[in-house]
Amino acid sequence: MPIYIYWGEDDFAMEKAIANLRNEVLDENWASFNYTTFPPDYPNAVIEALNQAMTPPFGAGGRLVWLMNTNITQQSDSNVLSELQRTLEVIPDNSHLLITSGSKPDERLKSTKHLKKFAKFQEFGLISPWKTDLLLKSVNDAAKSLGIKLAPNCAEFLVEAIGNDTRLLYNELNKLQLYLLSGNQPLTVDTAAQLIQNSTQNSLQLAGAIRIGDTVKALNLVADLIDAAEPSLKIVATLIGQFRTWLWVRIMMETGERSPQVIAQAAEVRNHFRIKYLQQEVQLLSVQQLISCMPILLELEVNLKQGATQTLILQTKIIELCQICQKRRQ
């Protein structure tokens, strides 16, 4: 009775794992009989999926039942719990049940606790943008899997250009792989820069450029975000959230607080291991500088909501923010 719980935000990595599982379990000649999916809008999807998993496979290979994007591990349901308790122990060994969700399972629920007795849980989480070491490893691993040799500094460039978007990383590497088929030369930064046209310059990178007072880079990032059709209010929301986090971390540092757990709680940062990186980021900024940034960001949000010209107001306020963050550096 193999049961799998896949969860997380990295859809691409999860899709690859699902494809591998499908290839392992199913005989392609009998897949149409033994492969069933239950989307979230399917009536009584959980009950139907469990009943289907109870059915032995036809012909060769095993059976795979996929319960897609379900909330079975996030919401309590007595009927579902009863069905889980009744069926999980007696699902045939050659019948495989796959349950996927974008959200982390709630381990307080009885249904999750019962599933943990029988299922293999696997997380497919996006790497946090500040964990550059893990992003570099992801790029190097992906390049190695495709047989692409990376020249010095090329992995760093790909991290900067692509970020933590696994799907985009593989799409770009596949394109670069085709370009390199004519020879066995390593991929250089110059070649990658010419072929990667739509680099994902995200709002967190913009916040980072503002933090160090790099006006030119910040304005270029604004232009890239607008060209990529990134909603302006989404950009501002990210900036407000990032600057608010930096402000709280800086306040806690100046009060002498050293506990990452306490700082994380005050700054509403879920992972206290992130605090070390945040402290390094705000080391050269004062509390007053960060406080001065907040009204400008809120004014920017109001102006956009009132119909101000997107490009002009973004550029104007970004320049003001960079000037504030430059003061200590001059």
C-alpha atoms as a PDB file:
ATOM      1  CA  MET A   1       0.000   0.000   0.000  1.00  0.00           C
ATOM      2  CA  PRO A   2       2.497   2.683  -1.111  1.00  0.00           C
ATOM      3  CA  ILE A   3       1.095   6.114  -0.246  1.00  0.00           C
ATOM      4  CA  TYR A   4       2.841   9.393  -1.093  1.00  0.00           C
ATOM      5  CA  ILE A   5       2.164  12.937   0.131  1.00  0.00           C
ATOM      6  CA  TYR A   6       3.820  15.569  -2.083  1.00  0.00           C
ATOM      7  CA  TRP A   7       3.506  19.189  -1.001  1.00  0.00           C
ATOM      8  CA  GLY A   8       5.155  22.558  -1.641  1.00  0.00           C
ATOM      9  CA  GLU A   9       5.279  25.563  -3.969  1.00  0.00           C
ATOM     10  CA  ASP A  10       7.830  24.256  -6.472  1.00  0.00           C
ATOM     11  CA  ASP A  11       5.364  22.976  -9.057  1.00  0.00           C
ATOM     12  CA  PHE A  12       8.058  22.076 -11.565  1.00  0.00           C
ATOM     13  CA  ALA A  13      10.057  19.873  -9.193  1.00  0.00           C
ATOM     14  CA  MET A  14       6.843  18.210  -8.048  1.00  0.00           C
ATOM     15  CA  GLU A  15       5.767  17.550 -11.638  1.00  0.00           C
ATOM     16  CA  LYS A  16       9.104  15.857 -12.326  1.00  0.00           C
ATOM     17  CA  ALA A  17       8.706  13.648  -9.257  1.00  0.00           C
ATOM     18  CA  ILE A  18       5.153  12.739 -10.273  1.00  0.00           C
ATOM     19  CA  ALA A  19       6.308  11.854 -13.787  1.00  0.00           C
ATOM     20  CA  ASN A  20       9.033   9.622 -12.335  1.00  0.00           C
ATOM     21  CA  LEU A  21       6.537   7.928 -10.029  1.00  0.00           C
ATOM     22  CA  ARG A  22       4.154   7.362 -12.911  1.00  0.00           C
ATOM     23  CA  ASN A  23       6.915   5.747 -14.983  1.00  0.00           C
ATOM     24  CA  GLU A  24       7.912   3.512 -12.074  1.00  0.00           C
ATOM     25  CA  VAL A  25       4.406   2.317 -11.221  1.00  0.00           C
ATOM     26  CA  LEU A  26       2.566   2.025 -14.521  1.00  0.00           C
ATOM     27  CA  ASP A  27       2.955  -0.239 -17.504  1.00  0.00           C
ATOM     28  CA  GLU A  28       2.275   2.079 -20.454  1.00  0.00           C
ATOM     29  CA  ASN A  29       0.258  -0.603 -22.233  1.00  0.00           C
ATOM     30  CA  TRP A  30      -2.154  -0.684 -19.292  1.00  0.00           C
ATOM     31  CA  ALA A  31      -1.933   2.944 -18.148  1.00  0.00           C
ATOM     32  CA  SER A  32      -5.387   3.873 -19.436  1.00  0.00           C
ATOM     33  CA  PHE A  33      -6.872   1.247 -17.084  1.00  0.00           C
ATOM     34  CA  ASN A  34      -4.657   1.828 -14.083  1.00  0.00           C
ATOM     35  CA  TYR A  35      -4.042   5.590 -13.928  1.00  0.00           C
ATOM     36  CA  THR A  36      -6.754   7.803 -12.415  1.00  0.00           C
ATOM     37  CA  THR A  37      -6.643  11.461 -11.369  1.00  0.00           C
ATOM     38  CA  PHE A  38      -9.102  13.257  -9.115  1.00  0.00           C
ATOM     39  CA  PRO A  39      -8.979  17.072  -9.453  1.00  0.00           C
ATOM     40  CA  PRO A  40     -10.060  19.284  -6.516  1.00  0.00           C
ATOM     41  CA  ASP A  41     -13.479  20.049  -8.039  1.00  0.00           C
ATOM     42  CA  TYR A  42     -14.346  16.356  -8.460  1.00  0.00           C
ATOM     43  CA  PRO A  43     -17.396  15.454  -6.307  1.00  0.00           C
ATOM     44  CA  ASN A  44     -16.370  13.509  -3.193  1.00  0.00           C
ATOM     45  CA  ALA A  45     -12.840  13.368  -4.583  1.00  0.00           C
ATOM     46  CA  VAL A  46     -11.198  11.957  -1.448  1.00  0.00           C
ATOM     47  CA  ILE A  47     -13.729   9.150  -0.962  1.00  0.00           C
ATOM     48  CA  GLU A  48     -13.689   8.252  -4.660  1.00  0.00           C
ATOM     49  CA  ALA A  49      -9.878   8.240  -4.787  1.00  0.00           C
ATOM     50  CA  LEU A  50      -9.633   5.950  -1.773  1.00  0.00           C
ATOM     51  CA  ASN A  51     -12.196   3.576  -3.264  1.00  0.00           C
ATOM     52  CA  GLN A  52     -10.301   3.549  -6.564  1.00  0.00           C
ATOM     53  CA  ALA A  53      -7.023   2.836  -4.747  1.00  0.00           C
ATOM     54  CA  MET A  54      -8.669  -0.228  -3.221  1.00  0.00           C
ATOM     55  CA  THR A  55      -9.123  -1.725  -6.695  1.00  0.00           C
ATOM     56  CA  PRO A  56      -6.291  -4.057  -7.811  1.00  0.00           C
ATOM     57  CA  PRO A  57      -4.655  -3.087 -11.135  1.00  0.00           C
ATOM     58  CA  PHE A  58      -5.629  -4.675 -14.435  1.00  0.00           C
ATOM     59  CA  GLY A  59      -3.012  -6.448 -16.506  1.00  0.00           C
ATOM     60  CA  ALA A  60       0.667  -5.634 -16.051  1.00  0.00           C
ATOM     61  CA  GLY A  61       2.188  -2.997 -13.818  1.00  0.00           C
ATOM     62  CA  GLY A  62       0.627  -1.285 -10.831  1.00  0.00           C
ATOM     63  CA  ARG A  63      -2.220   1.151 -10.255  1.00  0.00           C
ATOM     64  CA  LEU A  64      -1.660   4.874  -9.565  1.00  0.00           C
ATOM     65  CA  VAL A  65      -4.409   7.046  -8.116  1.00  0.00           C
ATOM     66  CA  TRP A  66      -3.625  10.772  -7.894  1.00  0.00           C
ATOM     67  CA  LEU A  67      -5.667  12.958  -5.538  1.00  0.00           C
ATOM     68  CA  MET A  68      -4.736  16.404  -6.845  1.00  0.00           C
ATOM     69  CA  ASN A  69      -4.379  19.648  -4.851  1.00  0.00           C
ATOM     70  CA  THR A  70      -6.472  18.420  -1.970  1.00  0.00           C
ATOM     71  CA  ASN A  71      -6.975  20.011   1.457  1.00  0.00           C
ATOM     72  CA  ILE A  72      -7.109  16.637   3.180  1.00  0.00           C
ATOM     73  CA  THR A  73      -4.109  17.606   5.359  1.00  0.00           C
ATOM     74  CA  GLN A  74      -5.289  21.170   6.025  1.00  0.00           C
ATOM     75  CA  GLN A  75      -8.946  20.785   7.012  1.00  0.00           C
ATOM     76  CA  SER A  76     -10.672  18.418   9.390  1.00  0.00           C
ATOM     77  CA  ASP A  77     -13.500  16.250   8.081  1.00  0.00           C
ATOM     78  CA  SER A  78     -14.930  13.395  10.149  1.00  0.00           C
ATOM     79  CA  ASN A  79     -16.201  11.483   7.096  1.00  0.00           C
ATOM     80  CA  VAL A  80     -12.819  11.684   5.392  1.00  0.00           C
ATOM     81  CA  LEU A  81     -11.039  10.620   8.582  1.00  0.00           C
ATOM     82  CA  SER A  82     -13.314   7.601   8.928  1.00  0.00           C
ATOM     83  CA  GLU A  83     -12.647   6.596   5.334  1.00  0.00           C
ATOM     84  CA  LEU A  84      -8.891   6.966   5.818  1.00  0.00           C
ATOM     85  CA  GLN A  85      -8.981   4.806   8.931  1.00  0.00           C
ATOM     86  CA  ARG A  86     -11.034   2.193   7.095  1.00  0.00           C
ATOM     87  CA  THR A  87      -9.027   1.931   3.882  1.00  0.00           C
ATOM     88  CA  LEU A  88      -5.353   2.867   4.273  1.00  0.00           C
ATOM     89  CA  GLU A  89      -4.370  -0.384   5.943  1.00  0.00           C
ATOM     90  CA  VAL A  90      -5.999  -2.556   3.285  1.00  0.00           C
ATOM     91  CA  ILE A  91      -4.926  -0.810   0.062  1.00  0.00           C
ATOM     92  CA  PRO A  92      -3.255  -3.477  -2.155  1.00  0.00           C
ATOM     93  CA  ASP A  93       0.536  -3.451  -2.325  1.00  0.00           C
ATOM     94  CA  ASN A  94       0.512  -2.905  -6.091  1.00  0.00           C
ATOM     95  CA  SER A  95      -1.888   0.054  -5.842  1.00  0.00           C
ATOM     96  CA  HIS A  96      -0.253   3.444  -5.248  1.00  0.00           C
ATOM     97  CA  LEU A  97      -2.034   6.501  -3.828  1.00  0.00           C
ATOM     98  CA  LEU A  98      -0.529   9.945  -4.498  1.00  0.00           C
ATOM     99  CA  ILE A  99      -1.833  12.992  -2.618  1.00  0.00           C
ATOM    100  CA  THR A 100      -0.578  16.466  -3.597  1.00  0.00           C
ATOM    101  CA  SER A 101      -1.027  19.891  -2.035  1.00  0.00           C
ATOM    102  CA  GLY A 102       0.561  23.306  -2.298  1.00  0.00           C
ATOM    103  CA  SER A 103       0.333  23.878   1.444  1.00  0.00           C
ATOM    104  CA  LYS A 104       2.224  22.359   4.349  1.00  0.00           C
ATOM    105  CA  PRO A 105       0.293  19.560   6.098  1.00  0.00           C
ATOM    106  CA  ASP A 106      -1.196  20.534   9.439  1.00  0.00           C
ATOM    107  CA  GLU A 107       0.291  17.973  11.793  1.00  0.00           C
ATOM    108  CA  ARG A 108      -2.317  18.751  14.447  1.00  0.00           C
ATOM    109  CA  LEU A 109      -5.104  17.189  12.375  1.00  0.00           C
ATOM    110  CA  LYS A 110      -6.108  13.593  13.023  1.00  0.00           C
ATOM    111  CA  SER A 111      -6.176  12.924   9.274  1.00  0.00           C
ATOM    112  CA  THR A 112      -2.547  14.064   8.924  1.00  0.00           C
ATOM    113  CA  LYS A 113      -1.480  12.030  11.954  1.00  0.00           C
ATOM    114  CA  HIS A 114      -3.145   8.945  10.508  1.00  0.00           C
ATOM    115  CA  LEU A 115      -1.572   9.472   7.085  1.00  0.00           C
ATOM    116  CA  LYS A 116       1.871   9.761   8.675  1.00  0.00           C
ATOM    117  CA  LYS A 117       1.530   6.168   9.855  1.00  0.00           C
ATOM    118  CA  PHE A 118       1.352   4.898   6.265  1.00  0.00           C
ATOM    119  CA  ALA A 119       2.516   7.610   3.834  1.00  0.00           C
ATOM    120  CA  LYS A 120       5.856   8.948   2.683  1.00  0.00           C
ATOM    121  CA  PHE A 121       5.843  12.758   2.947  1.00  0.00           C
ATOM    122  CA  GLN A 122       8.036  14.781   0.580  1.00  0.00           C
ATOM    123  CA  GLU A 123       8.360  18.573   0.432  1.00  0.00           C
ATOM    124  CA  PHE A 124       8.922  20.485  -2.810  1.00  0.00           C
ATOM    125  CA  GLY A 125       9.695  23.952  -1.514  1.00  0.00           C
ATOM    126  CA  LEU A 126      11.149  26.880  -3.397  1.00  0.00           C
ATOM    127  CA  ILE A 127      14.599  27.876  -2.200  1.00  0.00           C
ATOM    128  CA  SER A 128      14.479  31.187  -0.342  1.00  0.00           C
ATOM    129  CA  PRO A 129      16.013  34.021  -2.430  1.00  0.00           C
ATOM    130  CA  TRP A 130      18.539  34.885   0.296  1.00  0.00           C
ATOM    131  CA  LYS A 131      19.988  31.346   0.395  1.00  0.00           C
ATOM    132  CA  THR A 132      22.428  31.925  -2.432  1.00  0.00           C
ATOM    133  CA  ASP A 133      24.512  28.881  -1.543  1.00  0.00           C
ATOM    134  CA  LEU A 134      21.519  26.587  -2.074  1.00  0.00           C
ATOM    135  CA  LEU A 135      20.545  28.423  -5.273  1.00  0.00           C
ATOM    136  CA  LEU A 136      24.077  27.951  -6.596  1.00  0.00           C
ATOM    137  CA  LYS A 137      23.908  24.246  -5.765  1.00  0.00           C
ATOM    138  CA  SER A 138      20.545  24.004  -7.553  1.00  0.00           C
ATOM    139  CA  VAL A 139      21.977  25.647 -10.687  1.00  0.00           C
ATOM    140  CA  ASN A 140      25.085  23.441 -10.675  1.00  0.00           C
ATOM    141  CA  ASP A 141      23.018  20.278 -10.110  1.00  0.00           C
ATOM    142  CA  ALA A 142      20.620  21.179 -12.922  1.00  0.00           C
ATOM    143  CA  ALA A 143      23.481  21.964 -15.314  1.00  0.00           C
ATOM    144  CA  LYS A 144      25.214  18.687 -14.421  1.00  0.00           C
ATOM    145  CA  SER A 145      22.016  16.692 -15.024  1.00  0.00           C
ATOM    146  CA  LEU A 146      21.822  18.166 -18.534  1.00  0.00           C
ATOM    147  CA  GLY A 147      25.514  17.676 -19.250  1.00  0.00           C
ATOM    148  CA  ILE A 148      26.288  21.404 -19.351  1.00  0.00           C
ATOM    149  CA  LYS A 149      29.692  22.595 -18.168  1.00  0.00           C
ATOM    150  CA  LEU A 150      29.640  26.008 -16.496  1.00  0.00           C
ATOM    151  CA  ALA A 151      32.541  28.441 -16.808  1.00  0.00           C
ATOM    152  CA  PRO A 152      33.648  30.372 -13.686  1.00  0.00           C
ATOM    153  CA  ASN A 153      31.020  32.829 -12.400  1.00  0.00           C
ATOM    154  CA  CYS A 154      28.359  31.468 -14.762  1.00  0.00           C
ATOM    155  CA  ALA A 155      26.406  29.790 -11.958  1.00  0.00           C
ATOM    156  CA  GLU A 156      26.369  33.088 -10.056  1.00  0.00           C
ATOM    157  CA  PHE A 157      25.048  34.873 -13.143  1.00  0.00           C
ATOM    158  CA  LEU A 158      22.269  32.302 -13.595  1.00  0.00           C
ATOM    159  CA  VAL A 159      21.234  32.682  -9.947  1.00  0.00           C
ATOM    160  CA  GLU A 160      21.081  36.459 -10.361  1.00  0.00           C
ATOM    161  CA  ALA A 161      19.137  36.212 -13.622  1.00  0.00           C
ATOM    162  CA  ILE A 162      16.715  33.410 -12.791  1.00  0.00           C
ATOM    163  CA  GLY A 163      16.358  33.393  -9.010  1.00  0.00           C
ATOM    164  CA  ASN A 164      14.526  30.448  -7.453  1.00  0.00           C
ATOM    165  CA  ASP A 165      12.229  29.670 -10.399  1.00  0.00           C
ATOM    166  CA  THR A 166      13.047  25.995 -11.045  1.00  0.00           C
ATOM    167  CA  ARG A 167      10.888  25.751 -14.156  1.00  0.00           C
ATOM    168  CA  LEU A 168      12.537  28.791 -15.750  1.00  0.00           C
ATOM    169  CA  LEU A 169      15.988  27.461 -14.797  1.00  0.00           C
ATOM    170  CA  TYR A 170      15.444  24.193 -16.685  1.00  0.00           C
ATOM    171  CA  ASN A 171      13.791  25.958 -19.622  1.00  0.00           C
ATOM    172  CA  GLU A 172      16.755  28.294 -19.989  1.00  0.00           C
ATOM    173  CA  LEU A 173      19.308  25.506 -19.516  1.00  0.00           C
ATOM    174  CA  ASN A 174      17.561  23.384 -22.154  1.00  0.00           C
ATOM    175  CA  LYS A 175      17.807  26.313 -24.566  1.00  0.00           C
ATOM    176  CA  LEU A 176      21.473  26.830 -23.713  1.00  0.00           C
ATOM    177  CA  GLN A 177      22.095  23.096 -24.118  1.00  0.00           C
ATOM    178  CA  LEU A 178      20.866  23.251 -27.723  1.00  0.00           C
ATOM    179  CA  TYR A 179      23.190  26.170 -28.398  1.00  0.00           C
ATOM    180  CA  LEU A 180      26.171  24.250 -27.003  1.00  0.00           C
ATOM    181  CA  LEU A 181      25.512  21.055 -28.990  1.00  0.00           C
ATOM    182  CA  SER A 182      28.021  22.076 -31.643  1.00  0.00           C
ATOM    183  CA  GLY A 183      30.923  21.758 -29.234  1.00  0.00           C
ATOM    184  CA  ASN A 184      32.064  20.689 -25.796  1.00  0.00           C
ATOM    185  CA  GLN A 185      32.932  24.180 -24.576  1.00  0.00           C
ATOM    186  CA  PRO A 186      31.705  25.369 -21.176  1.00  0.00           C
ATOM    187  CA  LEU A 187      28.880  27.877 -20.897  1.00  0.00           C
ATOM    188  CA  THR A 188      30.277  31.363 -20.294  1.00  0.00           C
ATOM    189  CA  VAL A 189      28.606  34.370 -18.703  1.00  0.00           C
ATOM    190  CA  ASP A 190      28.714  36.256 -22.022  1.00  0.00           C
ATOM    191  CA  THR A 191      26.922  33.463 -23.868  1.00  0.00           C
ATOM    192  CA  ALA A 192      24.308  33.059 -21.144  1.00  0.00           C
ATOM    193  CA  ALA A 193      23.669  36.808 -21.053  1.00  0.00           C
ATOM    194  CA  GLN A 194      23.053  36.867 -24.809  1.00  0.00           C
ATOM    195  CA  LEU A 195      20.594  33.953 -24.778  1.00  0.00           C
ATOM    196  CA  ILE A 196      18.673  34.588 -21.558  1.00  0.00           C
ATOM    197  CA  GLN A 197      16.411  37.391 -22.636  1.00  0.00           C
ATOM    198  CA  ASN A 198      13.732  37.323 -19.950  1.00  0.00           C
ATOM    199  CA  SER A 199      15.719  37.205 -16.724  1.00  0.00           C
ATOM    200  CA  THR A 200      13.482  37.306 -13.678  1.00  0.00           C
ATOM    201  CA  GLN A 201      14.479  40.536 -12.034  1.00  0.00           C
ATOM    202  CA  ASN A 202      12.180  40.363  -9.036  1.00  0.00           C
ATOM    203  CA  SER A 203      10.989  42.849  -6.478  1.00  0.00           C
ATOM    204  CA  LEU A 204      13.288  41.472  -3.780  1.00  0.00           C
ATOM    205  CA  GLN A 205      16.278  42.297  -5.969  1.00  0.00           C
ATOM    206  CA  LEU A 206      14.841  45.791  -6.334  1.00  0.00           C
ATOM    207  CA  ALA A 207      14.604  46.094  -2.561  1.00  0.00           C
ATOM    208  CA  GLY A 208      18.231  44.991  -2.305  1.00  0.00           C
ATOM    209  CA  ALA A 209      19.368  47.627  -4.815  1.00  0.00           C
ATOM    210  CA  ILE A 210      17.497  50.344  -2.903  1.00  0.00           C
ATOM    211  CA  ARG A 211      19.008  49.155   0.386  1.00  0.00           C
ATOM    212  CA  ILE A 212      22.541  49.747  -0.863  1.00  0.00           C
ATOM    213  CA  GLY A 213      21.557  53.015  -2.557  1.00  0.00           C
ATOM    214  CA  ASP A 214      22.355  51.811  -6.081  1.00  0.00           C
ATOM    215  CA  THR A 215      20.039  54.129  -8.016  1.00  0.00           C
ATOM    216  CA  VAL A 216      21.104  53.015 -11.491  1.00  0.00           C
ATOM    217  CA  LYS A 217      20.586  49.323 -10.753  1.00  0.00           C
ATOM    218  CA  ALA A 218      17.264  50.035  -8.999  1.00  0.00           C
ATOM    219  CA  LEU A 219      15.910  51.991 -11.970  1.00  0.00           C
ATOM    220  CA  ASN A 220      17.034  49.268 -14.372  1.00  0.00           C
ATOM    221  CA  LEU A 221      15.233  46.690 -12.233  1.00  0.00           C
ATOM    222  CA  VAL A 222      12.078  48.819 -12.247  1.00  0.00           C
ATOM    223  CA  ALA A 223      12.242  48.935 -16.055  1.00  0.00           C
ATOM    224  CA  ASP A 224      12.732  45.155 -16.219  1.00  0.00           C
ATOM    225  CA  LEU A 225       9.785  44.531 -13.901  1.00  0.00           C
ATOM    226  CA  ILE A 226       7.524  46.812 -15.933  1.00  0.00           C
ATOM    227  CA  ASP A 227       8.655  45.167 -19.193  1.00  0.00           C
ATOM    228  CA  ALA A 228       7.837  41.785 -17.631  1.00  0.00           C
ATOM    229  CA  ALA A 229       4.297  43.083 -16.866  1.00  0.00           C
ATOM    230  CA  GLU A 230       4.783  42.741 -13.118  1.00  0.00           C
ATOM    231  CA  PRO A 231       1.830  44.502 -11.410  1.00  0.00           C
ATOM    232  CA  SER A 232       3.044  47.743  -9.836  1.00  0.00           C
ATOM    233  CA  LEU A 233       1.026  47.246  -6.665  1.00  0.00           C
ATOM    234  CA  LYS A 234       2.581  43.808  -6.236  1.00  0.00           C
ATOM    235  CA  ILE A 235       6.047  45.388  -6.536  1.00  0.00           C
ATOM    236  CA  VAL A 236       5.177  47.948  -3.865  1.00  0.00           C
ATOM    237  CA  ALA A 237       3.652  45.326  -1.560  1.00  0.00           C
ATOM    238  CA  THR A 238       6.905  43.348  -1.702  1.00  0.00           C
ATOM    239  CA  LEU A 239       8.956  46.468  -1.000  1.00  0.00           C
ATOM    240  CA  ILE A 240       6.774  47.449   1.962  1.00  0.00           C
ATOM    241  CA  GLY A 241       6.980  43.950   3.422  1.00  0.00           C
ATOM    242  CA  GLN A 242      10.771  43.802   2.980  1.00  0.00           C
ATOM    243  CA  PHE A 243      11.429  47.248   4.465  1.00  0.00           C
ATOM    244  CA  ARG A 244       9.108  46.543   7.379  1.00  0.00           C
ATOM    245  CA  THR A 245      11.060  43.346   8.111  1.00  0.00           C
ATOM    246  CA  TRP A 246      14.380  45.196   7.879  1.00  0.00           C
ATOM    247  CA  LEU A 247      13.064  47.910  10.221  1.00  0.00           C
ATOM    248  CA  TRP A 248      12.023  45.443  12.919  1.00  0.00           C
ATOM    249  CA  VAL A 249      15.309  43.540  12.670  1.00  0.00           C
ATOM    250  CA  ARG A 250      17.268  46.792  12.987  1.00  0.00           C
ATOM    251  CA  ILE A 251      15.184  47.941  15.971  1.00  0.00           C
ATOM    252  CA  MET A 252      15.777  44.650  17.766  1.00  0.00           C
ATOM    253  CA  MET A 253      19.513  44.859  17.012  1.00  0.00           C
ATOM    254  CA  GLU A 254      19.753  48.355  18.485  1.00  0.00           C
ATOM    255  CA  THR A 255      17.949  47.267  21.641  1.00  0.00           C
ATOM    256  CA  GLY A 256      20.659  44.660  22.132  1.00  0.00           C
ATOM    257  CA  GLU A 257      18.527  41.597  21.406  1.00  0.00           C
ATOM    258  CA  ARG A 258      20.665  38.679  20.218  1.00  0.00           C
ATOM    259  CA  SER A 259      18.258  35.759  20.113  1.00  0.00           C
ATOM    260  CA  PRO A 260      17.330  34.921  16.483  1.00  0.00           C
ATOM    261  CA  GLN A 261      14.098  33.347  17.712  1.00  0.00           C
ATOM    262  CA  VAL A 262      13.011  36.511  19.546  1.00  0.00           C
ATOM    263  CA  ILE A 263      13.958  38.757  16.614  1.00  0.00           C
ATOM    264  CA  ALA A 264      12.141  36.458  14.195  1.00  0.00           C
ATOM    265  CA  GLN A 265       8.988  36.611  16.301  1.00  0.00           C
ATOM    266  CA  ALA A 266       9.079  40.409  16.474  1.00  0.00           C
ATOM    267  CA  ALA A 267       9.751  40.765  12.741  1.00  0.00           C
ATOM    268  CA  GLU A 268       7.186  38.051  11.851  1.00  0.00           C
ATOM    269  CA  VAL A 269       9.860  36.006  10.079  1.00  0.00           C
ATOM    270  CA  ARG A 270       8.851  32.353   9.985  1.00  0.00           C
ATOM    271  CA  ASN A 271      12.351  30.902   9.732  1.00  0.00           C
ATOM    272  CA  HIS A 272      14.677  32.219  12.438  1.00  0.00           C
ATOM    273  CA  PHE A 273      17.699  31.014  10.447  1.00  0.00           C
ATOM    274  CA  ARG A 274      16.956  33.891   8.043  1.00  0.00           C
ATOM    275  CA  ILE A 275      17.698  36.455  10.778  1.00  0.00           C
ATOM    276  CA  LYS A 276      21.474  36.192  10.318  1.00  0.00           C
ATOM    277  CA  TYR A 277      21.147  37.232   6.672  1.00  0.00           C
ATOM    278  CA  LEU A 278      18.751  40.066   7.513  1.00  0.00           C
ATOM    279  CA  GLN A 279      21.125  41.411  10.169  1.00  0.00           C
ATOM    280  CA  GLN A 280      23.926  41.508   7.618  1.00  0.00           C
ATOM    281  CA  GLU A 281      21.685  43.343   5.153  1.00  0.00           C
ATOM    282  CA  VAL A 282      20.749  46.166   7.566  1.00  0.00           C
ATOM    283  CA  GLN A 283      24.146  46.499   9.210  1.00  0.00           C
ATOM    284  CA  LEU A 284      24.905  49.804   7.438  1.00  0.00           C
ATOM    285  CA  LEU A 285      21.403  51.266   7.776  1.00  0.00           C
ATOM    286  CA  SER A 286      19.996  53.093  10.781  1.00  0.00           C
ATOM    287  CA  VAL A 287      16.546  52.770  12.281  1.00  0.00           C
ATOM    288  CA  GLN A 288      15.824  56.365  11.244  1.00  0.00           C
ATOM    289  CA  GLN A 289      16.734  55.666   7.624  1.00  0.00           C
ATOM    290  CA  LEU A 290      14.386  52.687   7.500  1.00  0.00           C
ATOM    291  CA  ILE A 291      11.621  54.651   9.230  1.00  0.00           C
ATOM    292  CA  SER A 292      12.042  57.440   6.667  1.00  0.00           C
ATOM    293  CA  CYS A 293      11.502  54.953   3.849  1.00  0.00           C
ATOM    294  CA  MET A 294       8.087  53.774   5.050  1.00  0.00           C
ATOM    295  CA  PRO A 295       6.065  56.983   4.320  1.00  0.00           C
ATOM    296  CA  ILE A 296       7.543  57.122   0.815  1.00  0.00           C
ATOM    297  CA  LEU A 297       6.499  53.532   0.141  1.00  0.00           C
ATOM    298  CA  LEU A 298       3.002  54.137   1.499  1.00  0.00           C
ATOM    299  CA  GLU A 299       2.704  57.323  -0.569  1.00  0.00           C
ATOM    300  CA  LEU A 300       3.790  55.345  -3.632  1.00  0.00           C
ATOM    301  CA  GLU A 301       1.065  52.777  -2.971  1.00  0.00           C
ATOM    302  CA  VAL A 302      -1.591  55.490  -2.577  1.00  0.00           C
ATOM    303  CA  ASN A 303      -0.493  57.290  -5.758  1.00  0.00           C
ATOM    304  CA  LEU A 304      -0.671  54.075  -7.783  1.00  0.00           C
ATOM    305  CA  LYS A 305      -4.128  53.288  -6.430  1.00  0.00           C
ATOM    306  CA  GLN A 306      -5.237  56.801  -7.395  1.00  0.00           C
ATOM    307  CA  GLY A 307      -4.147  56.269 -10.991  1.00  0.00           C
ATOM    308  CA  ALA A 308      -0.728  57.940 -11.121  1.00  0.00           C
ATOM    309  CA  THR A 309       1.466  57.158 -14.143  1.00  0.00           C
ATOM    310  CA  GLN A 310       3.094  53.863 -13.182  1.00  0.00           C
ATOM    311  CA  THR A 311       6.597  54.291 -14.614  1.00  0.00           C
ATOM    312  CA  LEU A 312       7.044  57.914 -13.564  1.00  0.00           C
ATOM    313  CA  ILE A 313       5.852  57.518  -9.976  1.00  0.00           C
ATOM    314  CA  LEU A 314       7.860  54.323  -9.474  1.00  0.00           C
ATOM    315  CA  GLN A 315      11.027  55.955 -10.784  1.00  0.00           C
ATOM    316  CA  THR A 316      10.513  59.091  -8.673  1.00  0.00           C
ATOM    317  CA  LYS A 317       9.937  57.264  -5.412  1.00  0.00           C
ATOM    318  CA  ILE A 318      12.701  54.730  -6.035  1.00  0.00           C
ATOM    319  CA  ILE A 319      15.172  57.592  -6.470  1.00  0.00           C
ATOM    320  CA  GLU A 320      13.976  59.127  -3.178  1.00  0.00           C
ATOM    321  CA  LEU A 321      14.407  55.807  -1.383  1.00  0.00           C
ATOM    322  CA  CYS A 322      17.904  55.295  -2.791  1.00  0.00           C
ATOM    323  CA  GLN A 323      18.907  58.793  -1.666  1.00  0.00           C
ATOM    324  CA  ILE A 324      17.826  58.003   1.895  1.00  0.00           C
ATOM    325  CA  CYS A 325      19.825  54.780   1.945  1.00  0.00           C
ATOM    326  CA  GLN A 326      22.909  56.486   0.490  1.00  0.00           C
ATOM    327  CA  LYS A 327      23.311  59.021   3.314  1.00  0.00           C
ATOM    328  CA  ARG A 328      25.415  56.919   5.635  1.00  0.00           C
ATOM    329  CA  ARG A 329      27.601  55.766   2.764  1.00  0.00           C
ATOM    330  CA  GLN A 330      28.629  59.216   1.576  1.00  0.00           C
END
